[in-house]
Amino acid sequence: MLTTTSAQQCPYIAADVEGTDAEARARRAQGNGGEPTLAFDRNTPYVDYAGIDTLLRLQNPRTDEPAETTFIIATQVMELLFVLVQERWEAARDALEADDVPGALAWLRRSAAAQDVLNDSWRLLGDMTPTQFNRFRDSFGEASGFQSYGYRKLEFVLGNKSAAMIRPHKGMSGVADELRELLERPSLYDAALRLLHRRGLPVPGEAVERDWTLEYEPDGRVESVWAAVYADDRPGNDLFLLAEALVDVAERVTRWRHLHLMAVKRTMGGKPGSGGSNGLTWLARNVEKDVFPELWSLRGIL
């Protein structure tokens, strides 16, 4: 920790320390006459803080096709947003495990906002034609969004678990470890069901303590529990608010999957995927798979 004495001994450090407080900012604004600072001896603080130089060096198209740059940027934007969404889903999960429903609701609202931006990022690719895509497709070889460990982490946090999905990343030890940790932990939906159980609702024991590495299987008894929650839709029922917040998340996930499907359909049709899948058929199966299944099936019985 920087002491007052060490700051006095180094005027440059002292200036940096002073420059971090509100009074220093006010003095700077007054000294500038309300205008922004224009003189810097090196990189601007903005560039250093956000790593802008590094960020802008990460676009390295392999062809002369302009659409390839768009494709790379859209992919990178999505990967950054995966990190943000994961952070918020995990925070919501941890809040539920701590019986903090208001905290979980706040994190789920924030995650929905990030998901909206994530879904809108598909618009960057919305007008890409098959001919444009074909001019650079061969340049990325076997690269495929299926290999995104950021997206795989999201699926694991949601509860779409599969140990086999770690295999593409086994050569990346740190990544494989992170995925394995998420595989072995309760998902966001598991945490919600465990909360309902602690509140005294008849959630079956198999949903409260089970092998978390296995994908969640829908249960009619869980559907009945959620139906009981929906029977009390007063604004003060935090469990009802939780259910609807989870539906908000799930709907956005399904929308993202559908937008992915349509982007692929528009640019390459029914051709095989670059990562070895059958392309549209594989993506369509994901679209049809409900996230938090009983929250959707109960709508047919209410």
Protein backbone atom coordinates (compact mmCIF):
# COMPACT_ATOMS: atom_id res chain seq x y z
CA MET A 1 0.00 0.00 0.00
CA LEU A 2 1.27 3.50 -0.83
CA THR A 3 2.01 5.57 2.28
CA THR A 4 1.85 9.33 2.60
CA THR A 5 5.63 9.45 3.07
CA SER A 6 6.36 7.47 -0.09
CA ALA A 7 3.95 9.66 -2.03
CA GLN A 8 5.77 12.79 -0.81
CA GLN A 9 9.11 11.34 -1.86
CA CYS A 10 7.87 10.79 -5.42
CA PRO A 11 5.91 13.77 -6.77
CA TYR A 12 4.76 11.76 -9.80
CA ILE A 13 3.13 9.15 -7.57
CA ALA A 14 1.67 11.89 -5.37
CA ALA A 15 0.12 13.51 -8.41
CA ASP A 16 -1.40 10.18 -9.46
CA VAL A 17 -2.84 9.63 -6.00
CA GLU A 18 -4.32 13.12 -5.86
CA GLY A 19 -5.66 12.71 -9.36
CA THR A 20 -7.87 9.85 -8.27
CA ASP A 21 -10.06 11.78 -5.85
CA ALA A 22 -13.04 13.98 -6.54
CA GLU A 23 -11.30 17.15 -5.35
CA ALA A 24 -8.46 16.65 -7.82
CA ARG A 25 -10.93 16.12 -10.64
CA ALA A 26 -12.74 19.30 -9.67
CA ARG A 27 -9.45 21.24 -9.60
CA ARG A 28 -8.49 19.85 -12.98
CA ALA A 29 -11.82 20.86 -14.50
CA GLN A 30 -11.50 24.34 -13.01
CA GLY A 31 -7.94 24.69 -14.27
CA ASN A 32 -9.03 23.60 -17.75
CA GLY A 33 -11.84 26.13 -17.77
CA GLY A 34 -14.31 23.29 -18.17
CA GLU A 35 -12.57 21.96 -21.31
CA PRO A 36 -11.13 18.42 -21.54
CA THR A 37 -7.41 17.85 -21.00
CA LEU A 38 -5.65 17.71 -24.38
CA ALA A 39 -1.96 17.27 -23.50
CA PHE A 40 -0.57 13.82 -22.57
CA ASP A 41 3.07 12.71 -22.73
CA ARG A 42 2.21 9.12 -23.65
CA ASN A 43 -0.89 7.00 -24.25
CA THR A 44 -4.07 8.65 -23.04
CA PRO A 45 -5.41 7.22 -19.75
CA TYR A 46 -8.46 6.00 -21.69
CA VAL A 47 -6.33 3.85 -24.01
CA ASP A 48 -4.33 2.41 -21.12
CA TYR A 49 -7.31 1.72 -18.88
CA ALA A 50 -9.38 -0.19 -21.45
CA GLY A 51 -6.48 -1.72 -23.37
CA ILE A 52 -7.69 -0.14 -26.59
CA ASP A 53 -4.39 -0.60 -28.44
CA THR A 54 -4.43 -4.31 -27.67
CA LEU A 55 -8.10 -4.63 -28.55
CA LEU A 56 -7.70 -3.02 -31.96
CA ARG A 57 -4.77 -5.28 -32.84
CA LEU A 58 -6.94 -8.39 -32.50
CA GLN A 59 -8.69 -8.09 -35.86
CA ASN A 60 -6.56 -10.08 -38.29
CA PRO A 61 -8.55 -11.06 -41.38
CA ARG A 62 -6.95 -13.68 -43.62
CA THR A 63 -8.55 -12.55 -46.87
CA ASP A 64 -9.31 -9.28 -48.66
CA GLU A 65 -13.07 -9.76 -48.21
CA PRO A 66 -14.37 -6.80 -46.09
CA ALA A 67 -17.12 -8.97 -44.61
CA GLU A 68 -14.47 -11.06 -42.85
CA THR A 69 -13.59 -8.13 -40.58
CA THR A 70 -17.26 -7.77 -39.68
CA PHE A 71 -17.42 -11.50 -38.92
CA ILE A 72 -14.36 -11.33 -36.66
CA ILE A 73 -15.56 -8.25 -34.78
CA ALA A 74 -19.05 -9.72 -34.27
CA THR A 75 -17.48 -12.91 -32.91
CA GLN A 76 -15.21 -10.99 -30.53
CA VAL A 77 -18.09 -8.81 -29.31
CA MET A 78 -20.10 -11.94 -28.51
CA GLU A 79 -17.20 -13.51 -26.64
CA LEU A 80 -16.83 -10.41 -24.46
CA LEU A 81 -20.55 -10.43 -23.73
CA PHE A 82 -20.42 -14.13 -22.84
CA VAL A 83 -18.05 -13.16 -20.02
CA LEU A 84 -20.41 -10.48 -18.76
CA VAL A 85 -23.51 -12.71 -18.91
CA GLN A 86 -21.68 -15.57 -17.16
CA GLU A 87 -20.57 -13.24 -14.36
CA ARG A 88 -24.16 -12.11 -13.78
CA TRP A 89 -25.70 -15.58 -13.96
CA GLU A 90 -23.15 -16.93 -11.51
CA ALA A 91 -23.79 -14.02 -9.16
CA ALA A 92 -27.53 -14.76 -9.34
CA ARG A 93 -26.90 -18.45 -8.67
CA ASP A 94 -24.72 -17.67 -5.66
CA ALA A 95 -27.31 -15.23 -4.31
CA LEU A 96 -29.99 -17.93 -4.53
CA GLU A 97 -27.76 -20.38 -2.70
CA ALA A 98 -27.41 -17.73 0.01
CA ASP A 99 -31.23 -17.21 0.18
CA ASP A 100 -30.80 -13.69 -1.16
CA VAL A 101 -33.71 -13.51 -3.62
CA PRO A 102 -33.63 -9.68 -4.04
CA GLY A 103 -29.93 -9.92 -4.88
CA ALA A 104 -30.59 -12.71 -7.37
CA LEU A 105 -33.37 -10.71 -9.01
CA ALA A 106 -31.07 -7.73 -9.41
CA TRP A 107 -28.40 -9.88 -11.08
CA LEU A 108 -30.95 -11.54 -13.36
CA ARG A 109 -32.24 -8.13 -14.47
CA ARG A 110 -28.68 -7.08 -15.26
CA SER A 111 -28.05 -10.30 -17.13
CA ALA A 112 -31.18 -9.77 -19.24
CA ALA A 113 -29.88 -6.33 -20.26
CA ALA A 114 -26.55 -7.88 -21.28
CA GLN A 115 -28.37 -10.65 -23.15
CA ASP A 116 -30.29 -8.04 -25.13
CA VAL A 117 -27.01 -6.52 -26.30
CA LEU A 118 -25.69 -10.00 -27.05
CA ASN A 119 -28.74 -10.82 -29.17
CA ASP A 120 -28.53 -7.47 -30.98
CA SER A 121 -24.94 -8.27 -31.94
CA TRP A 122 -26.29 -10.73 -34.51
CA ARG A 123 -27.44 -7.67 -36.46
CA LEU A 124 -23.81 -7.09 -37.40
CA LEU A 125 -24.05 -10.22 -39.54
CA GLY A 126 -27.67 -9.78 -40.58
CA ASP A 127 -26.97 -8.58 -44.12
CA MET A 128 -24.03 -10.86 -44.95
CA THR A 129 -24.67 -12.66 -48.22
CA PRO A 130 -23.63 -16.24 -49.08
CA THR A 131 -21.19 -14.96 -51.69
CA GLN A 132 -19.48 -12.68 -49.17
CA PHE A 133 -19.25 -15.51 -46.65
CA ASN A 134 -17.92 -17.95 -49.22
CA ARG A 135 -15.07 -15.59 -50.10
CA PHE A 136 -13.53 -16.01 -46.65
CA ARG A 137 -15.06 -19.19 -45.21
CA ASP A 138 -12.19 -21.45 -46.20
CA SER A 139 -9.74 -19.15 -44.40
CA PHE A 140 -10.88 -20.22 -40.93
CA GLY A 141 -10.72 -23.95 -41.60
CA GLU A 142 -12.27 -26.01 -38.78
CA ALA A 143 -12.95 -22.99 -36.55
CA SER A 144 -16.53 -23.06 -35.29
CA GLY A 145 -18.63 -21.30 -32.69
CA PHE A 146 -19.23 -24.78 -31.27
CA GLN A 147 -15.66 -24.53 -29.95
CA SER A 148 -16.37 -21.38 -27.92
CA TYR A 149 -15.58 -22.19 -24.32
CA GLY A 150 -17.19 -18.90 -23.28
CA TYR A 151 -20.50 -20.07 -24.70
CA ARG A 152 -20.01 -23.56 -23.23
CA LYS A 153 -19.62 -22.00 -19.79
CA LEU A 154 -22.98 -20.29 -20.25
CA GLU A 155 -24.64 -23.57 -21.16
CA PHE A 156 -23.16 -25.24 -18.07
CA VAL A 157 -24.33 -22.42 -15.79
CA LEU A 158 -27.82 -22.79 -17.26
CA GLY A 159 -27.79 -26.55 -16.58
CA ASN A 160 -27.16 -27.88 -20.08
CA LYS A 161 -24.40 -30.15 -18.80
CA SER A 162 -22.29 -32.64 -20.74
CA ALA A 163 -18.81 -33.83 -19.78
CA ALA A 164 -18.17 -34.65 -23.44
CA MET A 165 -18.36 -30.94 -24.26
CA ILE A 166 -15.13 -30.37 -22.31
CA ARG A 167 -13.18 -32.63 -24.68
CA PRO A 168 -12.57 -29.97 -27.38
CA HIS A 169 -10.71 -27.94 -24.75
CA LYS A 170 -8.62 -30.69 -23.13
CA GLY A 171 -5.47 -29.19 -24.66
CA MET A 172 -6.24 -25.92 -22.82
CA SER A 173 -5.73 -27.05 -19.23
CA GLY A 174 -6.93 -23.87 -17.56
CA VAL A 175 -10.07 -23.74 -19.67
CA ALA A 176 -10.82 -27.42 -19.13
CA ASP A 177 -10.46 -26.93 -15.37
CA GLU A 178 -12.86 -23.97 -15.40
CA LEU A 179 -15.42 -25.95 -17.38
CA ARG A 180 -15.07 -28.94 -15.10
CA GLU A 181 -15.67 -26.74 -12.06
CA LEU A 182 -18.89 -25.41 -13.61
CA LEU A 183 -19.91 -28.94 -14.60
CA GLU A 184 -19.62 -30.11 -11.01
CA ARG A 185 -21.51 -27.20 -9.46
CA PRO A 186 -25.29 -26.69 -9.21
CA SER A 187 -26.60 -24.66 -12.13
CA LEU A 188 -28.64 -21.47 -11.89
CA TYR A 189 -31.83 -23.53 -12.19
CA ASP A 190 -30.60 -26.07 -9.62
CA ALA A 191 -30.04 -23.18 -7.20
CA ALA A 192 -33.59 -21.94 -7.79
CA LEU A 193 -35.06 -25.39 -7.08
CA ARG A 194 -32.94 -25.75 -3.94
CA LEU A 195 -34.26 -22.38 -2.76
CA LEU A 196 -37.86 -23.53 -3.32
CA HIS A 197 -37.10 -26.65 -1.28
CA ARG A 198 -35.72 -24.57 1.61
CA ARG A 199 -38.87 -22.45 1.49
CA GLY A 200 -40.87 -25.59 2.25
CA LEU A 201 -42.20 -26.38 -1.22
CA PRO A 202 -42.30 -30.08 -2.21
CA VAL A 203 -39.39 -30.11 -4.63
CA PRO A 204 -38.36 -33.79 -5.03
CA GLY A 205 -35.15 -34.79 -3.34
CA GLU A 206 -33.64 -35.88 -6.66
CA ALA A 207 -33.65 -32.23 -7.74
CA VAL A 208 -32.14 -30.94 -4.50
CA GLU A 209 -29.14 -33.23 -4.22
CA ARG A 210 -27.99 -35.09 -7.31
CA ASP A 211 -25.04 -35.60 -9.61
CA TRP A 212 -24.58 -32.03 -10.85
CA THR A 213 -22.48 -33.20 -13.80
CA LEU A 214 -25.57 -34.67 -15.43
CA GLU A 215 -28.01 -32.67 -17.49
CA TYR A 216 -31.21 -31.76 -15.67
CA GLU A 217 -34.20 -33.92 -16.54
CA PRO A 218 -37.71 -32.36 -16.39
CA ASP A 219 -39.96 -33.63 -13.60
CA GLY A 220 -43.75 -33.27 -13.38
CA ARG A 221 -43.48 -32.74 -9.63
CA VAL A 222 -41.26 -29.70 -10.19
CA GLU A 223 -43.81 -28.38 -12.67
CA SER A 224 -46.48 -28.66 -9.92
CA VAL A 225 -44.24 -26.72 -7.51
CA TRP A 226 -43.82 -23.89 -9.99
CA ALA A 227 -47.57 -23.96 -10.65
CA ALA A 228 -48.12 -23.40 -6.92
CA VAL A 229 -45.74 -20.44 -7.06
CA TYR A 230 -47.73 -18.95 -9.96
CA ALA A 231 -50.96 -19.36 -8.03
CA ASP A 232 -49.81 -16.40 -5.94
CA ASP A 233 -48.87 -13.73 -8.47
CA ARG A 234 -48.92 -10.81 -6.06
CA PRO A 235 -46.05 -8.34 -6.61
CA GLY A 236 -44.80 -9.14 -3.11
CA ASN A 237 -44.28 -12.85 -3.84
CA ASP A 238 -40.55 -13.01 -4.41
CA LEU A 239 -40.73 -16.58 -5.69
CA PHE A 240 -43.15 -15.51 -8.43
CA LEU A 241 -40.83 -12.64 -9.34
CA LEU A 242 -37.94 -15.12 -9.45
CA ALA A 243 -39.86 -17.44 -11.76
CA GLU A 244 -40.60 -14.64 -14.21
CA ALA A 245 -37.02 -13.38 -14.06
CA LEU A 246 -35.81 -16.88 -14.96
CA VAL A 247 -38.27 -16.96 -17.86
CA ASP A 248 -36.87 -13.64 -19.06
CA VAL A 249 -33.40 -15.20 -19.12
CA ALA A 250 -34.59 -18.40 -20.78
CA GLU A 251 -36.51 -16.57 -23.50
CA ARG A 252 -33.43 -14.54 -24.40
CA VAL A 253 -31.29 -17.68 -24.57
CA THR A 254 -33.75 -19.28 -26.99
CA ARG A 255 -33.85 -16.09 -29.02
CA TRP A 256 -30.04 -16.08 -29.25
CA ARG A 257 -30.06 -19.68 -30.46
CA HIS A 258 -32.70 -18.85 -33.06
CA LEU A 259 -30.77 -15.82 -34.29
CA HIS A 260 -27.70 -18.05 -34.63
CA LEU A 261 -29.73 -20.54 -36.64
CA MET A 262 -31.07 -17.84 -38.95
CA ALA A 263 -27.64 -16.27 -39.46
CA VAL A 264 -26.26 -19.65 -40.53
CA LYS A 265 -29.29 -20.36 -42.71
CA ARG A 266 -28.93 -17.02 -44.45
CA THR A 267 -25.19 -17.24 -45.11
CA MET A 268 -24.64 -20.95 -45.85
CA GLY A 269 -27.98 -22.74 -45.96
CA GLY A 270 -27.89 -26.47 -45.28
CA LYS A 271 -24.16 -27.00 -45.88
CA PRO A 272 -22.19 -28.94 -43.24
CA GLY A 273 -20.74 -26.82 -40.45
CA SER A 274 -17.03 -26.03 -40.37
CA GLY A 275 -16.65 -27.77 -37.00
CA GLY A 276 -17.93 -31.13 -38.26
CA SER A 277 -21.64 -30.84 -37.42
CA ASN A 278 -24.51 -31.07 -39.86
CA GLY A 279 -25.05 -27.34 -39.50
CA LEU A 280 -28.69 -26.29 -39.48
CA THR A 281 -30.02 -29.58 -38.13
CA TRP A 282 -27.73 -29.43 -35.11
CA LEU A 283 -28.59 -25.79 -34.41
CA ALA A 284 -32.33 -26.42 -34.83
CA ARG A 285 -32.23 -29.10 -32.12
CA ASN A 286 -30.77 -26.55 -29.71
CA VAL A 287 -33.47 -24.01 -30.56
CA GLU A 288 -36.19 -26.53 -29.70
CA LYS A 289 -34.69 -27.32 -26.30
CA ASP A 290 -36.36 -25.32 -23.53
CA VAL A 291 -34.24 -23.62 -20.90
CA PHE A 292 -35.70 -24.20 -17.38
CA PRO A 293 -38.26 -26.63 -18.87
CA GLU A 294 -40.96 -26.73 -16.19
CA LEU A 295 -41.30 -22.95 -16.26
CA TRP A 296 -42.49 -23.38 -19.85
CA SER A 297 -44.50 -26.61 -19.61
CA LEU A 298 -46.56 -25.31 -16.69
CA ARG A 299 -48.05 -22.67 -18.98
CA GLY A 300 -50.08 -25.40 -20.61
CA ILE A 301 -51.73 -26.37 -17.33
CA LEU A 302 -52.35 -23.02 -15.64
